[in-house]
C-alpha atoms as a PDB file:
ATOM      1  CA  UNK A   1      -9.181 -83.570  22.778  1.00  0.00           C
ATOM      2  CA  UNK A   2      -7.624 -86.171  20.528  1.00  0.00           C
ATOM      3  CA  UNK A   3      -3.860 -86.471  20.461  1.00  0.00           C
ATOM      4  CA  UNK A   4      -2.314 -84.980  17.296  1.00  0.00           C
ATOM      5  CA  UNK A   5       0.027 -87.914  16.665  1.00  0.00           C
ATOM      6  CA  UNK A   6      -2.498 -90.688  17.232  1.00  0.00           C
ATOM      7  CA  UNK A   7      -2.266 -93.863  15.172  1.00  0.00           C
ATOM      8  CA  UNK A   8      -5.421 -92.834  13.309  1.00  0.00           C
ATOM      9  CA  UNK A   9      -4.003 -89.422  12.342  1.00  0.00           C
ATOM     10  CA  UNK A  10      -0.687 -90.924  11.275  1.00  0.00           C
ATOM     11  CA  UNK A  11      -2.460 -93.454   9.055  1.00  0.00           C
ATOM     12  CA  UNK A  12      -4.622 -90.717   7.514  1.00  0.00           C
ATOM     13  CA  UNK A  13      -1.495 -88.646   6.840  1.00  0.00           C
ATOM     14  CA  UNK A  14       0.331 -91.578   5.240  1.00  0.00           C
ATOM     15  CA  UNK A  15      -2.614 -92.420   2.992  1.00  0.00           C
ATOM     16  CA  UNK A  16      -2.921 -88.792   1.840  1.00  0.00           C
ATOM     17  CA  UNK A  17       0.812 -88.249   1.251  1.00  0.00           C
ATOM     18  CA  UNK A  18       1.121 -91.519  -0.682  1.00  0.00           C
ATOM     19  CA  UNK A  19      -1.860 -90.710  -2.891  1.00  0.00           C
ATOM     20  CA  UNK A  20      -0.377 -87.253  -3.504  1.00  0.00           C
ATOM     21  CA  UNK A  21       3.074 -88.662  -4.327  1.00  0.00           C
ATOM     22  CA  UNK A  22       1.486 -91.188  -6.699  1.00  0.00           C
ATOM     23  CA  UNK A  23      -0.412 -88.317  -8.338  1.00  0.00           C
ATOM     24  CA  UNK A  24       2.687 -86.148  -8.825  1.00  0.00           C
ATOM     25  CA  UNK A  25       4.526 -89.102 -10.379  1.00  0.00           C
ATOM     26  CA  UNK A  26       1.641 -89.407 -12.857  1.00  0.00           C
ATOM     27  CA  UNK A  27       1.611 -85.648 -13.440  1.00  0.00           C
ATOM     28  CA  UNK A  28       5.358 -85.514 -14.068  1.00  0.00           C
ATOM     29  CA  UNK A  29       5.141 -88.422 -16.520  1.00  0.00           C
ATOM     30  CA  UNK A  30       2.291 -86.691 -18.323  1.00  0.00           C
ATOM     31  CA  UNK A  31       4.262 -83.446 -18.539  1.00  0.00           C
ATOM     32  CA  UNK A  32       7.309 -85.362 -19.795  1.00  0.00           C
ATOM     33  CA  UNK A  33       5.283 -86.876 -22.643  1.00  0.00           C
ATOM     34  CA  UNK A  34       4.013 -83.433 -23.634  1.00  0.00           C
ATOM     35  CA  UNK A  35       7.433 -81.799 -23.361  1.00  0.00           C
ATOM     36  CA  UNK A  36       6.230 -79.333 -20.730  1.00  0.00           C
ATOM     37  CA  UNK A  37       7.673 -77.974 -17.489  1.00  0.00           C
ATOM     38  CA  UNK A  38       8.582 -80.842 -15.169  1.00  0.00           C
ATOM     39  CA  UNK A  39       8.423 -81.410 -11.450  1.00  0.00           C
ATOM     40  CA  UNK A  40      12.016 -81.277 -10.106  1.00  0.00           C
ATOM     41  CA  UNK A  41      13.473 -84.659  -9.110  1.00  0.00           C
ATOM     42  CA  UNK A  42      14.318 -83.341  -5.652  1.00  0.00           C
ATOM     43  CA  UNK A  43      10.639 -82.496  -5.139  1.00  0.00           C
ATOM     44  CA  UNK A  44       9.638 -86.051  -6.027  1.00  0.00           C
ATOM     45  CA  UNK A  45      12.250 -87.398  -3.613  1.00  0.00           C
ATOM     46  CA  UNK A  46      11.140 -84.940  -0.911  1.00  0.00           C
ATOM     47  CA  UNK A  47       7.589 -86.282  -0.988  1.00  0.00           C
ATOM     48  CA  UNK A  48       8.939 -89.824  -0.674  1.00  0.00           C
ATOM     49  CA  UNK A  49      11.031 -88.820   2.349  1.00  0.00           C
ATOM     50  CA  UNK A  50       8.099 -87.189   4.152  1.00  0.00           C
ATOM     51  CA  UNK A  51       6.092 -90.399   3.928  1.00  0.00           C
ATOM     52  CA  UNK A  52       5.124 -90.925   0.300  1.00  0.00           C
ATOM     53  CA  UNK A  53       7.625 -93.608  -0.601  1.00  0.00           C
ATOM     54  CA  UNK A  54       5.011 -96.303  -1.293  1.00  0.00           C
ATOM     55  CA  UNK A  55       3.092 -93.950  -3.589  1.00  0.00           C
ATOM     56  CA  UNK A  56       6.345 -92.991  -5.288  1.00  0.00           C
ATOM     57  CA  UNK A  57       7.340 -96.598  -5.889  1.00  0.00           C
ATOM     58  CA  UNK A  58       3.861 -97.476  -7.158  1.00  0.00           C
ATOM     59  CA  UNK A  59       3.821 -94.448  -9.460  1.00  0.00           C
ATOM     60  CA  UNK A  60       7.309 -95.169 -10.720  1.00  0.00           C
ATOM     61  CA  UNK A  61       6.408 -98.668 -11.887  1.00  0.00           C
ATOM     62  CA  UNK A  62       2.775 -98.176 -12.886  1.00  0.00           C
ATOM     63  CA  UNK A  63       3.590 -95.153 -15.058  1.00  0.00           C
ATOM     64  CA  UNK A  64       7.084 -96.443 -16.021  1.00  0.00           C
ATOM     65  CA  UNK A  65       8.484 -93.153 -14.862  1.00  0.00           C
ATOM     66  CA  UNK A  66      12.045 -92.646 -13.576  1.00  0.00           C
ATOM     67  CA  UNK A  67      12.695 -96.398 -13.778  1.00  0.00           C
ATOM     68  CA  UNK A  68      16.043 -95.821 -15.487  1.00  0.00           C
ATOM     69  CA  UNK A  69      17.338 -93.472 -12.783  1.00  0.00           C
ATOM     70  CA  UNK A  70      19.228 -95.090  -9.906  1.00  0.00           C
ATOM     71  CA  UNK A  71      18.303 -92.129  -7.704  1.00  0.00           C
ATOM     72  CA  UNK A  72      14.707 -93.392  -7.831  1.00  0.00           C
ATOM     73  CA  UNK A  73      15.085 -97.143  -8.371  1.00  0.00           C
ATOM     74  CA  UNK A  74      17.381 -97.356  -5.336  1.00  0.00           C
ATOM     75  CA  UNK A  75      16.358 -94.192  -3.497  1.00  0.00           C
ATOM     76  CA  UNK A  76      12.624 -94.827  -3.079  1.00  0.00           C
ATOM     77  CA  UNK A  77      13.073 -98.342  -1.638  1.00  0.00           C
ATOM     78  CA  UNK A  78      15.905 -97.180   0.661  1.00  0.00           C
ATOM     79  CA  UNK A  79      13.682 -94.378   1.976  1.00  0.00           C
ATOM     80  CA  UNK A  80      10.859 -96.888   2.530  1.00  0.00           C
ATOM     81  CA  UNK A  81      13.159 -99.282   4.401  1.00  0.00           C
ATOM     82  CA  UNK A  82      14.388 -96.431   6.614  1.00  0.00           C
ATOM     83  CA  UNK A  83      10.805 -95.397   7.338  1.00  0.00           C
ATOM     84  CA  UNK A  84       9.885 -98.972   8.271  1.00  0.00           C
ATOM     85  CA  UNK A  85      12.922 -99.208  10.558  1.00  0.00           C
ATOM     86  CA  UNK A  86      11.957 -95.938  12.270  1.00  0.00           C
ATOM     87  CA  UNK A  87       8.441 -97.285  12.868  1.00  0.00           C
ATOM     88  CA  UNK A  88       9.822-100.555  14.265  1.00  0.00           C
ATOM     89  CA  UNK A  89      12.189 -98.666  16.568  1.00  0.00           C
ATOM     90  CA  UNK A  90       9.341 -96.453  17.796  1.00  0.00           C
ATOM     91  CA  UNK A  91       7.164 -99.474  18.526  1.00  0.00           C
ATOM     92  CA  UNK A  92       9.958-101.219  20.473  1.00  0.00           C
ATOM     93  CA  UNK A  93      10.790 -98.048  22.380  1.00  0.00           C
END
């Protein structure tokens, strides 16, 4: 039986969560343009924290969404840097 936290499974997870985070950034921007119910900012940040920071950053700049909010302009990259540091520390461990 394959290990749950194999490199392959982690990569699959990261691809999926980043695509999903990118999608919800697009969806929130679309809803904002139409004046409809919005996805809470904490939800967007949550998906970045659980691995979707690259998708969040890409969505933020491609859709020009949340680019005026420091919480996102600073927060997404800080989350990404922390995630990279965690990976580096796990590799060196």
